């Protein structure tokens, strides 16, 4: 496996300065935002799509530093009833898939999206309980009328461009658990898989190692994010894991994102790296920094140090002892 970083945390640096910083930090890969929530500070989609020379120079800047692009990322909500953002998210995703195909980047990361509860809805609706049965009816409609048809079309585009889709399992979106990931994959295409981020599993009560085993058995892990979560049980007792307080309420929130090793032990992170290797995942572990009590530099450096101590970077040896 290789160690990389989701470069949106270095949005204040220009493209080449960002690459230099990543290289100097001892990493081997970059995950680059193209549109949607991550923005496109290091990727001008239209310019790169329309100019082969610019694409070549862009990718050469990466390879000249001994780096690779693990994924292009365009997290948005293409299913939202808010038409302008749905259009922006959809266009960004389609363009990103095309760019990945042209540049040989194997993975495009995104969210599944969440529609409203009917055709004339004004905002997304994320059902979380089967009763009253209105919620179950809404969920069935969302899947059959919106989610599956959309992702069948996107999967065809991904296959045409020889690209895999890494959907991040994130609460608030219809695909947020191993079950919903595999359900969508079954109804669409093997091109659809997970950008697995343990930080979003922990606050749903899901064991990341178990999730890796479940998804790995179906070859459904296309990318991996390295971010931690601290669970404050005293605050969970008050607010529950579906805590709706703003992220800025650090003292009272039930959980907060943390840098790697600051929410769960390095033993647990080592277990995840081993589970990934056993499952056949030998790709990039991409650091994502969203720690509210650390600077970008400190949180990033902490993640690099901790992950270097647990990542499995070399191929296994033959079992000379057996």
Protein backbone atom coordinates (compact mmCIF):
# COMPACT_ATOMS: atom_id res chain seq x y z
CA UNK A 1 0.00 0.00 0.00
CA UNK A 2 0.99 3.61 -0.59
CA UNK A 3 0.45 6.60 1.68
CA UNK A 4 -1.22 9.65 0.16
CA UNK A 5 -3.25 12.72 1.06
CA UNK A 6 -6.51 14.37 0.01
CA UNK A 7 -4.99 17.68 -1.02
CA UNK A 8 -7.95 19.97 -0.27
CA UNK A 9 -6.29 20.82 3.04
CA UNK A 10 -3.53 22.54 1.04
CA UNK A 11 -5.91 24.69 -1.01
CA UNK A 12 -3.88 27.80 -0.10
CA UNK A 13 -0.89 26.42 -2.04
CA UNK A 14 -0.67 26.41 -5.81
CA UNK A 15 -0.57 23.08 -7.61
CA UNK A 16 3.20 22.64 -7.85
CA UNK A 17 3.90 23.96 -4.33
CA UNK A 18 1.32 21.50 -3.04
CA UNK A 19 3.03 18.64 -4.86
CA UNK A 20 6.41 19.68 -3.48
CA UNK A 21 5.01 19.74 0.06
CA UNK A 22 3.48 16.27 -0.33
CA UNK A 23 6.73 14.89 -1.72
CA UNK A 24 8.79 16.48 1.07
CA UNK A 25 6.41 14.92 3.62
CA UNK A 26 7.39 11.47 2.39
CA UNK A 27 4.12 10.56 0.71
CA UNK A 28 3.61 8.79 -2.61
CA UNK A 29 0.15 9.81 -3.82
CA UNK A 30 -2.29 12.69 -4.05
CA UNK A 31 -6.08 12.64 -4.15
CA UNK A 32 -7.23 15.81 -5.89
CA UNK A 33 -10.56 17.61 -5.56
CA UNK A 34 -12.16 18.66 -8.83
CA UNK A 35 -15.57 20.10 -7.89
CA UNK A 36 -18.44 19.92 -5.40
CA UNK A 37 -17.77 20.30 -1.68
CA UNK A 38 -13.97 19.79 -2.04
CA UNK A 39 -13.73 22.53 -4.66
CA UNK A 40 -11.17 22.49 -7.46
CA UNK A 41 -8.23 24.52 -6.15
CA UNK A 42 -5.74 22.15 -7.77
CA UNK A 43 -7.75 21.11 -10.82
CA UNK A 44 -9.30 23.28 -13.54
CA UNK A 45 -11.67 20.69 -14.98
CA UNK A 46 -12.66 22.50 -18.15
CA UNK A 47 -9.13 23.63 -18.99
CA UNK A 48 -7.74 20.11 -18.58
CA UNK A 49 -10.57 18.48 -20.51
CA UNK A 50 -10.18 20.86 -23.44
CA UNK A 51 -6.40 20.90 -23.79
CA UNK A 52 -4.31 17.75 -24.21
CA UNK A 53 -1.05 19.65 -23.69
CA UNK A 54 -2.29 21.00 -20.35
CA UNK A 55 -3.33 17.48 -19.28
CA UNK A 56 0.11 16.15 -20.15
CA UNK A 57 1.88 18.93 -18.26
CA UNK A 58 -0.44 18.46 -15.28
CA UNK A 59 0.21 14.74 -14.96
CA UNK A 60 3.92 15.21 -15.69
CA UNK A 61 4.19 17.60 -12.74
CA UNK A 62 2.88 14.75 -10.57
CA UNK A 63 5.03 11.97 -12.01
CA UNK A 64 8.21 14.10 -12.07
CA UNK A 65 8.00 14.16 -8.28
CA UNK A 66 7.59 10.41 -8.04
CA UNK A 67 3.93 10.80 -7.10
CA UNK A 68 0.73 9.32 -8.49
CA UNK A 69 -2.87 10.56 -8.48
CA UNK A 70 -4.83 8.01 -6.47
CA UNK A 71 -8.22 9.56 -7.28
CA UNK A 72 -10.06 12.63 -8.46
CA UNK A 73 -12.75 13.60 -5.94
CA UNK A 74 -15.98 15.50 -6.60
CA UNK A 75 -18.20 15.01 -3.55
CA UNK A 76 -21.57 16.64 -4.12
CA UNK A 77 -25.26 15.71 -4.23
CA UNK A 78 -26.41 15.05 -7.81
CA UNK A 79 -29.81 13.86 -6.54
CA UNK A 80 -30.77 16.86 -4.44
CA UNK A 81 -34.04 18.66 -5.30
CA UNK A 82 -32.03 21.90 -5.18
CA UNK A 83 -31.72 22.04 -8.94
CA UNK A 84 -28.69 24.30 -9.26
CA UNK A 85 -26.51 22.20 -6.93
CA UNK A 86 -27.81 18.95 -8.45
CA UNK A 87 -26.77 20.22 -11.90
CA UNK A 88 -23.39 21.38 -10.61
CA UNK A 89 -22.77 18.05 -8.85
CA UNK A 90 -23.84 15.97 -11.84
CA UNK A 91 -21.79 17.95 -14.34
CA UNK A 92 -18.77 17.87 -12.04
CA UNK A 93 -19.03 14.10 -11.65
CA UNK A 94 -19.39 13.44 -15.36
CA UNK A 95 -16.51 15.75 -16.26
CA UNK A 96 -14.34 14.22 -13.54
CA UNK A 97 -14.98 10.71 -14.86
CA UNK A 98 -14.03 11.87 -18.34
CA UNK A 99 -10.85 13.53 -17.06
CA UNK A 100 -9.91 10.41 -15.09
CA UNK A 101 -10.33 8.35 -18.24
CA UNK A 102 -8.14 10.70 -20.28
CA UNK A 103 -5.38 10.82 -17.66
CA UNK A 104 -5.39 7.19 -16.51
CA UNK A 105 -6.51 8.01 -12.96
CA UNK A 106 -8.31 4.81 -11.89
CA UNK A 107 -10.78 6.09 -9.28
CA UNK A 108 -13.31 8.91 -8.94
CA UNK A 109 -14.55 9.53 -5.38
CA UNK A 110 -17.95 11.03 -4.56
CA UNK A 111 -21.13 10.70 -2.48
CA UNK A 112 -24.17 8.71 -3.56
CA UNK A 113 -26.49 11.68 -3.10
CA UNK A 114 -29.86 12.00 -1.39
CA UNK A 115 -33.08 13.07 -3.16
CA UNK A 116 -36.18 14.59 -1.64
CA UNK A 117 -39.26 12.65 -0.60
CA UNK A 118 -41.22 13.31 -3.81
CA UNK A 119 -40.86 14.88 -7.24
CA UNK A 120 -41.79 18.36 -6.00
CA UNK A 121 -39.60 18.30 -2.88
CA UNK A 122 -37.53 21.36 -2.05
CA UNK A 123 -34.77 19.74 0.03
CA UNK A 124 -33.09 16.34 0.53
CA UNK A 125 -34.78 13.86 2.89
CA UNK A 126 -32.72 11.18 4.66
CA UNK A 127 -35.00 8.55 6.27
CA UNK A 128 -33.46 6.80 9.30
CA UNK A 129 -36.35 4.72 10.70
CA UNK A 130 -38.79 2.23 9.11
CA UNK A 131 -41.77 3.41 11.18
CA UNK A 132 -44.02 5.28 10.82
CA UNK A 133 -44.16 3.54 7.46
CA UNK A 134 -44.17 6.88 5.61
CA UNK A 135 -40.38 6.84 5.99
CA UNK A 136 -40.04 3.33 4.56
CA UNK A 137 -42.21 4.34 1.60
CA UNK A 138 -40.06 7.41 1.00
CA UNK A 139 -36.86 5.33 1.10
CA UNK A 140 -38.21 2.79 -1.39
CA UNK A 141 -39.24 5.58 -3.76
CA UNK A 142 -35.83 7.24 -3.46
CA UNK A 143 -33.98 4.05 -4.33
CA UNK A 144 -36.20 2.83 -7.16
CA UNK A 145 -37.00 6.16 -8.82
CA UNK A 146 -33.86 8.21 -8.19
CA UNK A 147 -30.78 6.46 -6.82
CA UNK A 148 -30.62 3.28 -8.90
CA UNK A 149 -31.50 4.83 -12.28
CA UNK A 150 -28.96 7.61 -11.80
CA UNK A 151 -26.11 5.33 -10.79
CA UNK A 152 -26.82 2.85 -13.58
CA UNK A 153 -26.20 5.69 -16.00
CA UNK A 154 -23.09 6.89 -14.17
CA UNK A 155 -21.74 3.33 -13.96
CA UNK A 156 -22.02 3.00 -17.73
CA UNK A 157 -20.05 6.22 -18.14
CA UNK A 158 -17.42 4.99 -15.67
CA UNK A 159 -17.08 1.66 -17.48
CA UNK A 160 -16.73 3.46 -20.81
CA UNK A 161 -13.85 5.49 -19.36
CA UNK A 162 -12.25 2.52 -17.54
CA UNK A 163 -12.79 4.22 -14.18
CA UNK A 164 -13.98 2.93 -10.81
CA UNK A 165 -16.35 4.96 -8.63
CA UNK A 166 -15.53 5.22 -4.93
CA UNK A 167 -18.65 6.23 -3.02
CA UNK A 168 -17.88 7.51 0.46
CA UNK A 169 -20.12 5.92 3.10
CA UNK A 170 -21.35 9.06 4.83
CA UNK A 171 -24.42 9.61 7.00
CA UNK A 172 -26.91 11.91 5.32
CA UNK A 173 -26.58 10.10 1.99
CA UNK A 174 -28.49 7.01 0.89
CA UNK A 175 -25.31 4.92 0.60
CA UNK A 176 -23.77 5.12 4.06
CA UNK A 177 -23.25 1.53 5.27
CA UNK A 178 -21.70 -1.67 3.87
CA UNK A 179 -25.24 -2.97 3.24
CA UNK A 180 -26.38 0.04 1.23
CA UNK A 181 -23.08 0.02 -0.68
CA UNK A 182 -23.46 -3.61 -1.71
CA UNK A 183 -27.15 -3.11 -2.48
CA UNK A 184 -26.38 -0.29 -4.93
CA UNK A 185 -23.48 -2.24 -6.43
CA UNK A 186 -25.73 -5.26 -7.00
CA UNK A 187 -28.38 -3.11 -8.70
CA UNK A 188 -25.88 -1.24 -10.91
CA UNK A 189 -22.32 -2.37 -11.66
CA UNK A 190 -19.03 -3.63 -10.16
CA UNK A 191 -17.61 -0.26 -11.21
CA UNK A 192 -19.44 1.09 -8.16
CA UNK A 193 -17.57 0.52 -4.90
CA UNK A 194 -16.55 2.24 -1.69
CA UNK A 195 -14.17 5.01 -0.80
CA UNK A 196 -13.98 3.57 2.70
CA UNK A 197 -13.52 6.12 5.48
CA UNK A 198 -13.47 4.62 8.99
CA UNK A 199 -14.28 7.99 10.58
CA UNK A 200 -17.82 7.78 9.17
CA UNK A 201 -18.24 4.18 10.26
CA UNK A 202 -17.31 4.74 13.90
CA UNK A 203 -19.99 7.38 14.49
CA UNK A 204 -22.57 4.98 13.04
CA UNK A 205 -21.49 2.23 15.42
CA UNK A 206 -19.84 0.17 12.64
CA UNK A 207 -16.53 -1.63 13.25
CA UNK A 208 -14.21 -0.63 10.37
CA UNK A 209 -12.36 -3.96 10.37
CA UNK A 210 -15.66 -5.80 10.01
CA UNK A 211 -16.68 -3.40 7.22
CA UNK A 212 -13.40 -4.07 5.42
CA UNK A 213 -14.05 -7.81 5.61
CA UNK A 214 -17.63 -7.42 4.33
CA UNK A 215 -16.75 -5.14 1.42
CA UNK A 216 -13.41 -6.77 0.69
CA UNK A 217 -15.10 -10.13 0.18
CA UNK A 218 -17.00 -8.54 -2.72
CA UNK A 219 -13.95 -6.67 -4.11
CA UNK A 220 -15.90 -3.50 -3.36
CA UNK A 221 -13.19 -1.28 -1.81
CA UNK A 222 -11.90 1.09 -4.48
CA UNK A 223 -10.18 3.68 -2.28
CA UNK A 224 -9.48 4.34 1.41
CA UNK A 225 -9.55 7.52 3.49
CA UNK A 226 -7.51 7.80 6.70
CA UNK A 227 -9.37 9.92 9.24
CA UNK A 228 -10.21 9.21 12.88
CA UNK A 229 -13.22 9.92 15.11
CA UNK A 230 -13.29 10.45 18.86
CA UNK A 231 -16.50 9.23 20.53
CA UNK A 232 -17.34 11.04 23.78
CA UNK A 233 -19.65 8.60 25.58
CA UNK A 234 -20.86 11.18 28.10
CA UNK A 235 -22.05 13.36 25.23
CA UNK A 236 -23.45 10.34 23.39
CA UNK A 237 -25.64 9.72 26.43
CA UNK A 238 -27.08 13.21 26.00
CA UNK A 239 -27.24 13.68 22.22
CA UNK A 240 -26.95 10.22 20.69
CA UNK A 241 -24.76 9.31 17.72
CA UNK A 242 -27.06 11.23 15.38
CA UNK A 243 -25.89 14.43 17.10
CA UNK A 244 -27.05 17.45 15.09
CA UNK A 245 -24.94 20.06 16.89
CA UNK A 246 -22.62 22.06 14.64
CA UNK A 247 -19.08 20.74 14.33
CA UNK A 248 -17.89 23.87 16.14
CA UNK A 249 -19.53 22.68 19.41
CA UNK A 250 -16.49 20.56 20.17
CA UNK A 251 -16.97 20.34 23.94
CA UNK A 252 -20.53 19.01 23.81
CA UNK A 253 -20.63 16.99 20.60
CA UNK A 254 -21.08 13.22 20.85
CA UNK A 255 -18.22 12.74 18.41
CA UNK A 256 -15.59 14.78 16.62
CA UNK A 257 -13.30 14.02 13.71
CA UNK A 258 -9.65 13.63 14.74
CA UNK A 259 -6.30 13.04 13.14
CA UNK A 260 -5.23 9.40 12.82
CA UNK A 261 -4.43 7.90 16.22
CA UNK A 262 -6.20 10.63 18.22
CA UNK A 263 -9.57 8.92 18.34
CA UNK A 264 -8.64 5.24 18.22
CA UNK A 265 -5.44 3.41 19.05
CA UNK A 266 -2.70 2.66 16.56
CA UNK A 267 -3.40 -1.01 17.29
CA UNK A 268 -6.85 -0.52 15.77
CA UNK A 269 -5.34 1.29 12.79
CA UNK A 270 -2.82 -1.53 12.39
CA UNK A 271 -5.71 -4.01 12.43
CA UNK A 272 -7.35 -2.05 9.60
CA UNK A 273 -4.18 -2.08 7.50
CA UNK A 274 -3.90 -5.84 8.01
CA UNK A 275 -7.56 -6.33 7.12
CA UNK A 276 -7.09 -4.31 3.94
CA UNK A 277 -4.08 -6.43 2.93
CA UNK A 278 -5.92 -9.69 3.66
CA UNK A 279 -8.91 -8.43 1.64
CA UNK A 280 -6.63 -7.81 -1.34
CA UNK A 281 -6.57 -4.01 -1.14
CA UNK A 282 -3.06 -2.92 -2.11
CA UNK A 283 -3.73 0.65 -3.16
CA UNK A 284 -3.54 4.08 -1.51
CA UNK A 285 -4.34 5.07 2.06
CA UNK A 286 -5.27 8.74 1.63
CA UNK A 287 -5.03 11.08 4.64
CA UNK A 288 -8.00 13.40 5.16
CA UNK A 289 -7.58 16.14 7.77
CA UNK A 290 -10.68 17.53 9.53
CA UNK A 291 -9.42 17.69 13.12
CA UNK A 292 -11.01 20.71 14.87
CA UNK A 293 -8.40 21.05 17.63
CA UNK A 294 -5.23 20.80 15.53
CA UNK A 295 -3.73 23.02 12.86
CA UNK A 296 -3.55 21.61 9.35
CA UNK A 297 0.21 21.16 9.62
CA UNK A 298 0.12 19.45 13.02
CA UNK A 299 -2.85 17.23 12.20
CA UNK A 300 -1.35 16.23 8.86
CA UNK A 301 2.08 15.55 10.35
CA UNK A 302 0.54 13.47 13.16
CA UNK A 303 -1.36 11.36 10.61
CA UNK A 304 1.75 10.85 8.48
CA UNK A 305 3.84 9.75 11.46
CA UNK A 306 1.20 7.41 12.85
CA UNK A 307 0.28 5.83 9.53
CA UNK A 308 3.90 5.25 8.57
CA UNK A 309 4.21 3.15 11.70
CA UNK A 310 1.32 0.83 10.74
CA UNK A 311 0.91 0.83 6.95
CA UNK A 312 1.99 -2.32 5.11
CA UNK A 313 4.02 -1.04 2.18
CA UNK A 314 5.94 -4.09 0.96
CA UNK A 315 4.71 -7.28 -0.67
CA UNK A 316 4.56 -10.29 1.67
CA UNK A 317 7.38 -12.80 1.57
CA UNK A 318 6.98 -16.47 0.78
CA UNK A 319 6.09 -18.58 3.81
CA UNK A 320 9.59 -19.97 4.28
CA UNK A 321 8.58 -21.24 7.73
CA UNK A 322 5.67 -23.38 6.48
